[in-house]
Amino acid sequence: MKTAASTFPPGLTRVARALIGPAALILIWWLANDSAWVSNKLLPNPFATFGTLWESLLSGSMTVDLGATLYRTMYAFAMAAVFGIPVGIALGSNERIYRSVEFLVDFFRSTPATAMFPLFLLIFGIGDFAKIAVAGFSAWLVVVFNVAYGVMNSRKTRILAARVMGASHWRVFRDVLFWESLPQTFVGLRMAVSLALVVIIVAEMFIGSTNGMGHRIIDAQQVFDLQQMYASILMTGGVGYGFNVLFIALEKWIVHWAGR
């Protein structure tokens, strides 16, 4: 017997399930506002907030800040990927070298990025590149760790099989190690772009920014424009979620053979 859910196309069912969480959040938000569970001075109406978000996008005032944040995030992420993937592969290919620098990688990876702000400000001064550099450094550590881990945990049987067949070290790396490490590499890239966004937003709040979503959020909070503040927070959350969905889709497309 067919269930009620089976009468709908699978794609439509997945979309409906995905919308349950956002709908529940909006409902709870509306109830909290309408029933005064939280003061209206602290929690604006959700529909008015979405209206403010839409108006800010249409007027272009938010798109300028959004563009600045996206530029800084992608710049930092590109630096992390370009310099992190080769270093991770080099470290992962030689376990002795990795173990010798493992403490440094784990130490700086565990250090909060915000604690590094003063150092990067001293080195690069107050400007865009200081924000990009600290975000890029934090993301770079995540990429290096995950790529190295992926290389070190490549399936030994495939590596041994390639060597038995007479493959050179370069061929083993190119045809086995590189592809075997890709699933973990994408995990690192997905984490890195999210971390870069977080660090950029925080840096825009507190390091002399004149634009960006972080600057927009803190400005709205200081003048008590809560609808604009919540609207900006929703937009940054949407950007972070969009990055995550994009990288998951890329991973499924490029590493479709993972686990086989």
C-alpha atoms as a PDB file:
ATOM      1  CA  MET A   1       0.000   0.000   0.000  1.00  0.00           C
ATOM      2  CA  LYS A   2       1.290   3.448  -0.914  1.00  0.00           C
ATOM      3  CA  THR A   3       1.872   5.893   1.882  1.00  0.00           C
ATOM      4  CA  ALA A   4       0.871   9.524   1.667  1.00  0.00           C
ATOM      5  CA  ALA A   5       4.509  10.562   1.225  1.00  0.00           C
ATOM      6  CA  SER A   6       4.985   8.148  -1.701  1.00  0.00           C
ATOM      7  CA  THR A   7       2.354   9.972  -3.779  1.00  0.00           C
ATOM      8  CA  PHE A   8       4.662  13.003  -4.035  1.00  0.00           C
ATOM      9  CA  PRO A   9       7.804  13.183  -6.201  1.00  0.00           C
ATOM     10  CA  PRO A  10      10.960  12.326  -4.172  1.00  0.00           C
ATOM     11  CA  GLY A  11      12.507  15.748  -4.900  1.00  0.00           C
ATOM     12  CA  LEU A  12       9.423  17.557  -3.611  1.00  0.00           C
ATOM     13  CA  THR A  13       9.393  15.413  -0.473  1.00  0.00           C
ATOM     14  CA  ARG A  14      13.036  16.255   0.255  1.00  0.00           C
ATOM     15  CA  VAL A  15      12.367  19.964  -0.191  1.00  0.00           C
ATOM     16  CA  ALA A  16       9.341  19.772   2.132  1.00  0.00           C
ATOM     17  CA  ARG A  17      11.416  18.040   4.807  1.00  0.00           C
ATOM     18  CA  ALA A  18      14.212  20.584   4.433  1.00  0.00           C
ATOM     19  CA  LEU A  19      11.711  23.409   5.022  1.00  0.00           C
ATOM     20  CA  ILE A  20      10.429  21.969   8.312  1.00  0.00           C
ATOM     21  CA  GLY A  21      13.362  23.358  10.327  1.00  0.00           C
ATOM     22  CA  PRO A  22      13.213  26.936   8.971  1.00  0.00           C
ATOM     23  CA  ALA A  23       9.411  26.973   9.291  1.00  0.00           C
ATOM     24  CA  ALA A  24       9.620  25.814  12.906  1.00  0.00           C
ATOM     25  CA  LEU A  25      12.223  28.481  13.691  1.00  0.00           C
ATOM     26  CA  ILE A  26      10.079  31.249  12.177  1.00  0.00           C
ATOM     27  CA  LEU A  27       7.007  29.968  14.021  1.00  0.00           C
ATOM     28  CA  ILE A  28       8.818  29.937  17.389  1.00  0.00           C
ATOM     29  CA  TRP A  29      10.281  33.372  16.636  1.00  0.00           C
ATOM     30  CA  TRP A  30       6.806  34.747  15.800  1.00  0.00           C
ATOM     31  CA  LEU A  31       5.240  33.202  18.914  1.00  0.00           C
ATOM     32  CA  ALA A  32       8.019  34.606  21.124  1.00  0.00           C
ATOM     33  CA  ASN A  33       7.477  38.055  19.636  1.00  0.00           C
ATOM     34  CA  ASP A  34       3.670  37.993  19.518  1.00  0.00           C
ATOM     35  CA  SER A  35       3.263  36.554  23.013  1.00  0.00           C
ATOM     36  CA  ALA A  36       5.938  38.853  24.450  1.00  0.00           C
ATOM     37  CA  TRP A  37       7.981  35.898  25.771  1.00  0.00           C
ATOM     38  CA  VAL A  38      10.907  38.135  24.862  1.00  0.00           C
ATOM     39  CA  SER A  39      10.668  41.906  24.913  1.00  0.00           C
ATOM     40  CA  ASN A  40       9.762  43.374  21.525  1.00  0.00           C
ATOM     41  CA  LYS A  41      12.630  45.790  22.068  1.00  0.00           C
ATOM     42  CA  LEU A  42      15.027  42.851  21.880  1.00  0.00           C
ATOM     43  CA  LEU A  43      13.264  40.573  19.390  1.00  0.00           C
ATOM     44  CA  PRO A  44      11.515  42.210  16.405  1.00  0.00           C
ATOM     45  CA  ASN A  45       8.740  40.611  14.390  1.00  0.00           C
ATOM     46  CA  PRO A  46      10.204  37.970  12.018  1.00  0.00           C
ATOM     47  CA  PHE A  47       8.135  39.095   9.017  1.00  0.00           C
ATOM     48  CA  ALA A  48       9.140  42.725   9.531  1.00  0.00           C
ATOM     49  CA  THR A  49      12.757  41.559   9.759  1.00  0.00           C
ATOM     50  CA  PHE A  50      12.517  39.625   6.478  1.00  0.00           C
ATOM     51  CA  GLY A  51      10.919  42.734   4.953  1.00  0.00           C
ATOM     52  CA  THR A  52      13.897  44.809   6.094  1.00  0.00           C
ATOM     53  CA  LEU A  53      16.245  42.227   4.622  1.00  0.00           C
ATOM     54  CA  TRP A  54      14.458  42.335   1.285  1.00  0.00           C
ATOM     55  CA  GLU A  55      14.380  46.145   1.205  1.00  0.00           C
ATOM     56  CA  SER A  56      18.095  46.340   2.066  1.00  0.00           C
ATOM     57  CA  LEU A  57      18.934  44.008  -0.794  1.00  0.00           C
ATOM     58  CA  LEU A  58      16.726  45.879  -3.263  1.00  0.00           C
ATOM     59  CA  SER A  59      18.156  49.262  -2.282  1.00  0.00           C
ATOM     60  CA  GLY A  60      21.700  47.960  -2.661  1.00  0.00           C
ATOM     61  CA  SER A  61      22.819  49.094   0.801  1.00  0.00           C
ATOM     62  CA  MET A  62      23.366  45.504   1.959  1.00  0.00           C
ATOM     63  CA  THR A  63      24.797  44.221  -1.330  1.00  0.00           C
ATOM     64  CA  VAL A  64      27.808  46.529  -0.978  1.00  0.00           C
ATOM     65  CA  ASP A  65      28.611  45.118   2.464  1.00  0.00           C
ATOM     66  CA  LEU A  66      27.843  41.589   1.311  1.00  0.00           C
ATOM     67  CA  GLY A  67      30.166  41.966  -1.653  1.00  0.00           C
ATOM     68  CA  ALA A  68      32.995  43.236   0.568  1.00  0.00           C
ATOM     69  CA  THR A  69      32.601  40.283   2.946  1.00  0.00           C
ATOM     70  CA  LEU A  70      32.451  37.746   0.102  1.00  0.00           C
ATOM     71  CA  TYR A  71      35.562  39.240  -1.502  1.00  0.00           C
ATOM     72  CA  ARG A  72      37.562  39.038   1.726  1.00  0.00           C
ATOM     73  CA  THR A  73      36.308  35.535   2.507  1.00  0.00           C
ATOM     74  CA  MET A  74      37.109  34.138  -0.937  1.00  0.00           C
ATOM     75  CA  TYR A  75      40.517  35.870  -0.958  1.00  0.00           C
ATOM     76  CA  ALA A  76      41.383  34.298   2.402  1.00  0.00           C
ATOM     77  CA  PHE A  77      40.022  30.910   1.344  1.00  0.00           C
ATOM     78  CA  ALA A  78      41.924  30.981  -1.967  1.00  0.00           C
ATOM     79  CA  MET A  79      45.179  31.670  -0.109  1.00  0.00           C
ATOM     80  CA  ALA A  80      44.454  28.834   2.309  1.00  0.00           C
ATOM     81  CA  ALA A  81      43.704  26.366  -0.492  1.00  0.00           C
ATOM     82  CA  VAL A  82      46.580  27.348  -2.797  1.00  0.00           C
ATOM     83  CA  PHE A  83      49.199  27.178  -0.047  1.00  0.00           C
ATOM     84  CA  GLY A  84      47.532  24.587   2.191  1.00  0.00           C
ATOM     85  CA  ILE A  85      46.941  21.718  -0.236  1.00  0.00           C
ATOM     86  CA  PRO A  86      50.596  21.383  -1.417  1.00  0.00           C
ATOM     87  CA  VAL A  87      51.924  21.693   2.152  1.00  0.00           C
ATOM     88  CA  GLY A  88      49.398  19.129   3.394  1.00  0.00           C
ATOM     89  CA  ILE A  89      50.343  16.692   0.641  1.00  0.00           C
ATOM     90  CA  ALA A  90      54.047  17.155   1.346  1.00  0.00           C
ATOM     91  CA  LEU A  91      53.582  16.580   5.074  1.00  0.00           C
ATOM     92  CA  GLY A  92      51.214  13.652   4.621  1.00  0.00           C
ATOM     93  CA  SER A  93      53.533  11.933   2.170  1.00  0.00           C
ATOM     94  CA  ASN A  94      56.273  11.732   4.795  1.00  0.00           C
ATOM     95  CA  GLU A  95      55.000  10.733   8.209  1.00  0.00           C
ATOM     96  CA  ARG A  96      58.323  11.524   9.919  1.00  0.00           C
ATOM     97  CA  ILE A  97      58.215  15.130   8.739  1.00  0.00           C
ATOM     98  CA  TYR A  98      54.558  15.420   9.746  1.00  0.00           C
ATOM     99  CA  ARG A  99      55.218  14.099  13.248  1.00  0.00           C
ATOM    100  CA  SER A 100      58.047  16.617  13.649  1.00  0.00           C
ATOM    101  CA  VAL A 101      55.741  19.594  12.959  1.00  0.00           C
ATOM    102  CA  GLU A 102      52.494  18.082  14.283  1.00  0.00           C
ATOM    103  CA  PHE A 103      52.715  20.034  17.533  1.00  0.00           C
ATOM    104  CA  LEU A 104      53.018  23.367  15.704  1.00  0.00           C
ATOM    105  CA  VAL A 105      50.102  22.603  13.380  1.00  0.00           C
ATOM    106  CA  ASP A 106      47.856  21.465  16.242  1.00  0.00           C
ATOM    107  CA  PHE A 107      48.942  24.321  18.516  1.00  0.00           C
ATOM    108  CA  PHE A 108      48.122  27.100  16.056  1.00  0.00           C
ATOM    109  CA  ARG A 109      44.991  25.288  14.845  1.00  0.00           C
ATOM    110  CA  SER A 110      43.758  25.197  18.445  1.00  0.00           C
ATOM    111  CA  THR A 111      44.582  28.862  19.088  1.00  0.00           C
ATOM    112  CA  PRO A 112      41.483  31.078  18.687  1.00  0.00           C
ATOM    113  CA  ALA A 113      41.802  33.230  15.581  1.00  0.00           C
ATOM    114  CA  THR A 114      40.688  36.283  17.559  1.00  0.00           C
ATOM    115  CA  ALA A 115      43.775  35.937  19.762  1.00  0.00           C
ATOM    116  CA  MET A 116      45.903  36.395  16.628  1.00  0.00           C
ATOM    117  CA  PHE A 117      44.337  39.757  15.683  1.00  0.00           C
ATOM    118  CA  PRO A 118      46.882  41.943  17.545  1.00  0.00           C
ATOM    119  CA  LEU A 119      49.805  40.087  15.952  1.00  0.00           C
ATOM    120  CA  PHE A 120      48.462  40.435  12.415  1.00  0.00           C
ATOM    121  CA  LEU A 121      47.612  44.091  13.040  1.00  0.00           C
ATOM    122  CA  LEU A 122      51.213  44.735  14.080  1.00  0.00           C
ATOM    123  CA  ILE A 123      52.526  42.962  10.972  1.00  0.00           C
ATOM    124  CA  PHE A 124      50.087  44.210   8.316  1.00  0.00           C
ATOM    125  CA  GLY A 125      48.573  47.317   9.919  1.00  0.00           C
ATOM    126  CA  ILE A 126      44.906  48.305  10.022  1.00  0.00           C
ATOM    127  CA  GLY A 127      43.522  47.466   6.622  1.00  0.00           C
ATOM    128  CA  ASP A 128      41.840  44.839   4.535  1.00  0.00           C
ATOM    129  CA  PHE A 129      44.870  42.595   4.214  1.00  0.00           C
ATOM    130  CA  ALA A 130      45.212  42.177   7.989  1.00  0.00           C
ATOM    131  CA  LYS A 131      41.675  40.769   8.113  1.00  0.00           C
ATOM    132  CA  ILE A 132      42.280  38.571   5.070  1.00  0.00           C
ATOM    133  CA  ALA A 133      45.642  37.354   6.395  1.00  0.00           C
ATOM    134  CA  VAL A 134      44.354  36.230   9.794  1.00  0.00           C
ATOM    135  CA  ALA A 135      41.367  34.481   8.174  1.00  0.00           C
ATOM    136  CA  GLY A 136      43.616  32.903   5.557  1.00  0.00           C
ATOM    137  CA  PHE A 137      46.068  31.685   8.188  1.00  0.00           C
ATOM    138  CA  SER A 138      43.311  30.083  10.271  1.00  0.00           C
ATOM    139  CA  ALA A 139      41.782  28.413   7.207  1.00  0.00           C
ATOM    140  CA  TRP A 140      45.237  27.343   5.966  1.00  0.00           C
ATOM    141  CA  LEU A 141      45.876  25.350   9.145  1.00  0.00           C
ATOM    142  CA  VAL A 142      42.572  23.496   8.718  1.00  0.00           C
ATOM    143  CA  VAL A 143      43.387  22.676   5.086  1.00  0.00           C
ATOM    144  CA  VAL A 144      46.920  21.476   5.926  1.00  0.00           C
ATOM    145  CA  PHE A 145      45.705  19.221   8.736  1.00  0.00           C
ATOM    146  CA  ASN A 146      42.924  17.604   6.714  1.00  0.00           C
ATOM    147  CA  VAL A 147      44.951  17.140   3.526  1.00  0.00           C
ATOM    148  CA  ALA A 148      47.864  15.616   5.449  1.00  0.00           C
ATOM    149  CA  TYR A 149      45.461  13.335   7.321  1.00  0.00           C
ATOM    150  CA  GLY A 150      43.846  12.267   4.043  1.00  0.00           C
ATOM    151  CA  VAL A 151      47.198  11.445   2.444  1.00  0.00           C
ATOM    152  CA  MET A 152      48.448   9.511   5.480  1.00  0.00           C
ATOM    153  CA  ASN A 153      45.256   7.460   5.651  1.00  0.00           C
ATOM    154  CA  SER A 154      45.157   6.495   1.981  1.00  0.00           C
ATOM    155  CA  ARG A 155      44.437   2.835   1.439  1.00  0.00           C
ATOM    156  CA  LYS A 156      47.754   1.026   1.825  1.00  0.00           C
ATOM    157  CA  THR A 157      46.674  -1.872  -0.395  1.00  0.00           C
ATOM    158  CA  ARG A 158      46.279   0.403  -3.417  1.00  0.00           C
ATOM    159  CA  ILE A 159      49.632   2.056  -2.783  1.00  0.00           C
ATOM    160  CA  LEU A 160      51.347  -1.321  -2.416  1.00  0.00           C
ATOM    161  CA  ALA A 161      49.631  -2.616  -5.564  1.00  0.00           C
ATOM    162  CA  ALA A 162      50.873   0.382  -7.550  1.00  0.00           C
ATOM    163  CA  ARG A 163      54.428  -0.103  -6.283  1.00  0.00           C
ATOM    164  CA  VAL A 164      54.375  -3.831  -7.025  1.00  0.00           C
ATOM    165  CA  MET A 165      53.429  -2.992 -10.606  1.00  0.00           C
ATOM    166  CA  GLY A 166      56.527  -0.809 -10.842  1.00  0.00           C
ATOM    167  CA  ALA A 167      54.934   2.635 -10.520  1.00  0.00           C
ATOM    168  CA  SER A 168      57.351   5.453  -9.679  1.00  0.00           C
ATOM    169  CA  HIS A 169      56.904   7.635  -6.593  1.00  0.00           C
ATOM    170  CA  TRP A 170      55.439  10.361  -8.819  1.00  0.00           C
ATOM    171  CA  ARG A 171      52.941   7.930 -10.400  1.00  0.00           C
ATOM    172  CA  VAL A 172      51.942   6.597  -6.966  1.00  0.00           C
ATOM    173  CA  PHE A 173      51.336  10.136  -5.793  1.00  0.00           C
ATOM    174  CA  ARG A 174      49.526  11.261  -8.945  1.00  0.00           C
ATOM    175  CA  ASP A 175      47.355   8.188  -9.530  1.00  0.00           C
ATOM    176  CA  VAL A 176      46.791   6.893  -5.981  1.00  0.00           C
ATOM    177  CA  LEU A 177      47.638   9.281  -3.143  1.00  0.00           C
ATOM    178  CA  PHE A 178      46.080  12.360  -4.706  1.00  0.00           C
ATOM    179  CA  TRP A 179      42.749  10.694  -5.456  1.00  0.00           C
ATOM    180  CA  GLU A 180      42.614   8.767  -2.192  1.00  0.00           C
ATOM    181  CA  SER A 181      43.100  11.972  -0.201  1.00  0.00           C
ATOM    182  CA  LEU A 182      40.409  13.960  -2.056  1.00  0.00           C
ATOM    183  CA  PRO A 183      37.472  13.080   0.269  1.00  0.00           C
ATOM    184  CA  GLN A 184      39.347  14.356   3.330  1.00  0.00           C
ATOM    185  CA  THR A 185      40.665  17.313   1.329  1.00  0.00           C
ATOM    186  CA  PHE A 186      37.098  18.407   0.587  1.00  0.00           C
ATOM    187  CA  VAL A 187      36.221  18.087   4.264  1.00  0.00           C
ATOM    188  CA  GLY A 188      39.098  20.447   5.001  1.00  0.00           C
ATOM    189  CA  LEU A 189      38.072  22.903   2.273  1.00  0.00           C
ATOM    190  CA  ARG A 190      34.465  22.964   3.505  1.00  0.00           C
ATOM    191  CA  MET A 191      35.607  23.641   7.072  1.00  0.00           C
ATOM    192  CA  ALA A 192      38.142  26.221   5.877  1.00  0.00           C
ATOM    193  CA  VAL A 193      35.674  28.370   3.928  1.00  0.00           C
ATOM    194  CA  SER A 194      33.276  28.405   6.903  1.00  0.00           C
ATOM    195  CA  LEU A 195      36.078  29.351   9.286  1.00  0.00           C
ATOM    196  CA  ALA A 196      37.316  32.071   6.921  1.00  0.00           C
ATOM    197  CA  LEU A 197      33.816  33.585   6.834  1.00  0.00           C
ATOM    198  CA  VAL A 198      33.544  33.541  10.638  1.00  0.00           C
ATOM    199  CA  VAL A 199      36.942  35.194  11.130  1.00  0.00           C
ATOM    200  CA  ILE A 200      36.237  37.831   8.468  1.00  0.00           C
ATOM    201  CA  ILE A 201      32.889  38.733  10.079  1.00  0.00           C
ATOM    202  CA  VAL A 202      34.501  39.099  13.517  1.00  0.00           C
ATOM    203  CA  ALA A 203      37.395  41.095  12.058  1.00  0.00           C
ATOM    204  CA  GLU A 204      34.964  43.441  10.303  1.00  0.00           C
ATOM    205  CA  MET A 205      33.280  44.062  13.638  1.00  0.00           C
ATOM    206  CA  PHE A 206      36.365  45.038  15.580  1.00  0.00           C
ATOM    207  CA  ILE A 207      39.233  45.952  13.205  1.00  0.00           C
ATOM    208  CA  GLY A 208      38.547  49.376  11.711  1.00  0.00           C
ATOM    209  CA  SER A 209      36.202  48.374   8.888  1.00  0.00           C
ATOM    210  CA  THR A 210      34.085  50.808   6.910  1.00  0.00           C
ATOM    211  CA  ASN A 211      32.071  48.076   5.163  1.00  0.00           C
ATOM    212  CA  GLY A 212      31.265  44.382   5.330  1.00  0.00           C
ATOM    213  CA  MET A 213      28.526  42.383   7.016  1.00  0.00           C
ATOM    214  CA  GLY A 214      30.330  42.352  10.371  1.00  0.00           C
ATOM    215  CA  HIS A 215      30.581  46.150  10.289  1.00  0.00           C
ATOM    216  CA  ARG A 216      26.905  46.339   9.323  1.00  0.00           C
ATOM    217  CA  ILE A 217      25.834  44.123  12.230  1.00  0.00           C
ATOM    218  CA  ILE A 218      27.807  46.019  14.859  1.00  0.00           C
ATOM    219  CA  ASP A 219      26.656  49.388  13.492  1.00  0.00           C
ATOM    220  CA  ALA A 220      23.002  48.308  13.649  1.00  0.00           C
ATOM    221  CA  GLN A 221      23.494  47.069  17.221  1.00  0.00           C
ATOM    222  CA  GLN A 222      25.072  50.345  18.329  1.00  0.00           C
ATOM    223  CA  VAL A 223      22.166  52.442  17.015  1.00  0.00           C
ATOM    224  CA  PHE A 224      19.652  49.827  18.259  1.00  0.00           C
ATOM    225  CA  ASP A 225      18.288  49.123  14.773  1.00  0.00           C
ATOM    226  CA  LEU A 226      17.366  45.557  15.682  1.00  0.00           C
ATOM    227  CA  GLN A 227      15.489  44.732  12.481  1.00  0.00           C
ATOM    228  CA  GLN A 228      18.574  45.635  10.462  1.00  0.00           C
ATOM    229  CA  MET A 229      20.818  43.747  12.884  1.00  0.00           C
ATOM    230  CA  TYR A 230      18.747  40.557  12.697  1.00  0.00           C
ATOM    231  CA  ALA A 231      18.397  40.914   8.926  1.00  0.00           C
ATOM    232  CA  SER A 232      22.181  41.155   8.557  1.00  0.00           C
ATOM    233  CA  ILE A 233      22.692  38.156  10.847  1.00  0.00           C
ATOM    234  CA  LEU A 234      20.235  36.143   8.739  1.00  0.00           C
ATOM    235  CA  MET A 235      22.118  37.101   5.582  1.00  0.00           C
ATOM    236  CA  THR A 236      25.486  36.033   6.995  1.00  0.00           C
ATOM    237  CA  GLY A 237      23.935  32.751   8.113  1.00  0.00           C
ATOM    238  CA  GLY A 238      22.524  32.260   4.627  1.00  0.00           C
ATOM    239  CA  VAL A 239      25.949  32.882   3.092  1.00  0.00           C
ATOM    240  CA  GLY A 240      27.586  30.347   5.404  1.00  0.00           C
ATOM    241  CA  TYR A 241      24.903  27.781   4.650  1.00  0.00           C
ATOM    242  CA  GLY A 242      25.269  28.464   0.926  1.00  0.00           C
ATOM    243  CA  PHE A 243      29.022  27.815   1.079  1.00  0.00           C
ATOM    244  CA  ASN A 244      28.393  24.527   2.873  1.00  0.00           C
ATOM    245  CA  VAL A 245      25.795  23.360   0.330  1.00  0.00           C
ATOM    246  CA  LEU A 246      28.063  24.384  -2.575  1.00  0.00           C
ATOM    247  CA  PHE A 247      31.038  22.415  -1.289  1.00  0.00           C
ATOM    248  CA  ILE A 248      28.933  19.358  -0.497  1.00  0.00           C
ATOM    249  CA  ALA A 249      27.610  19.439  -4.083  1.00  0.00           C
ATOM    250  CA  LEU A 250      31.138  19.839  -5.479  1.00  0.00           C
ATOM    251  CA  GLU A 251      32.358  16.969  -3.330  1.00  0.00           C
ATOM    252  CA  LYS A 252      29.581  14.667  -4.532  1.00  0.00           C
ATOM    253  CA  TRP A 253      30.289  15.638  -8.135  1.00  0.00           C
ATOM    254  CA  ILE A 254      34.088  15.354  -8.043  1.00  0.00           C
ATOM    255  CA  VAL A 255      34.539  12.598  -5.437  1.00  0.00           C
ATOM    256  CA  HIS A 256      31.515  10.533  -6.446  1.00  0.00           C
ATOM    257  CA  TRP A 257      33.536   7.336  -6.065  1.00  0.00           C
ATOM    258  CA  ALA A 258      34.356   7.916  -2.355  1.00  0.00           C
ATOM    259  CA  GLY A 259      33.821   4.861  -0.165  1.00  0.00           C
ATOM    260  CA  ARG A 260      33.847   2.396  -3.053  1.00  0.00           C
END
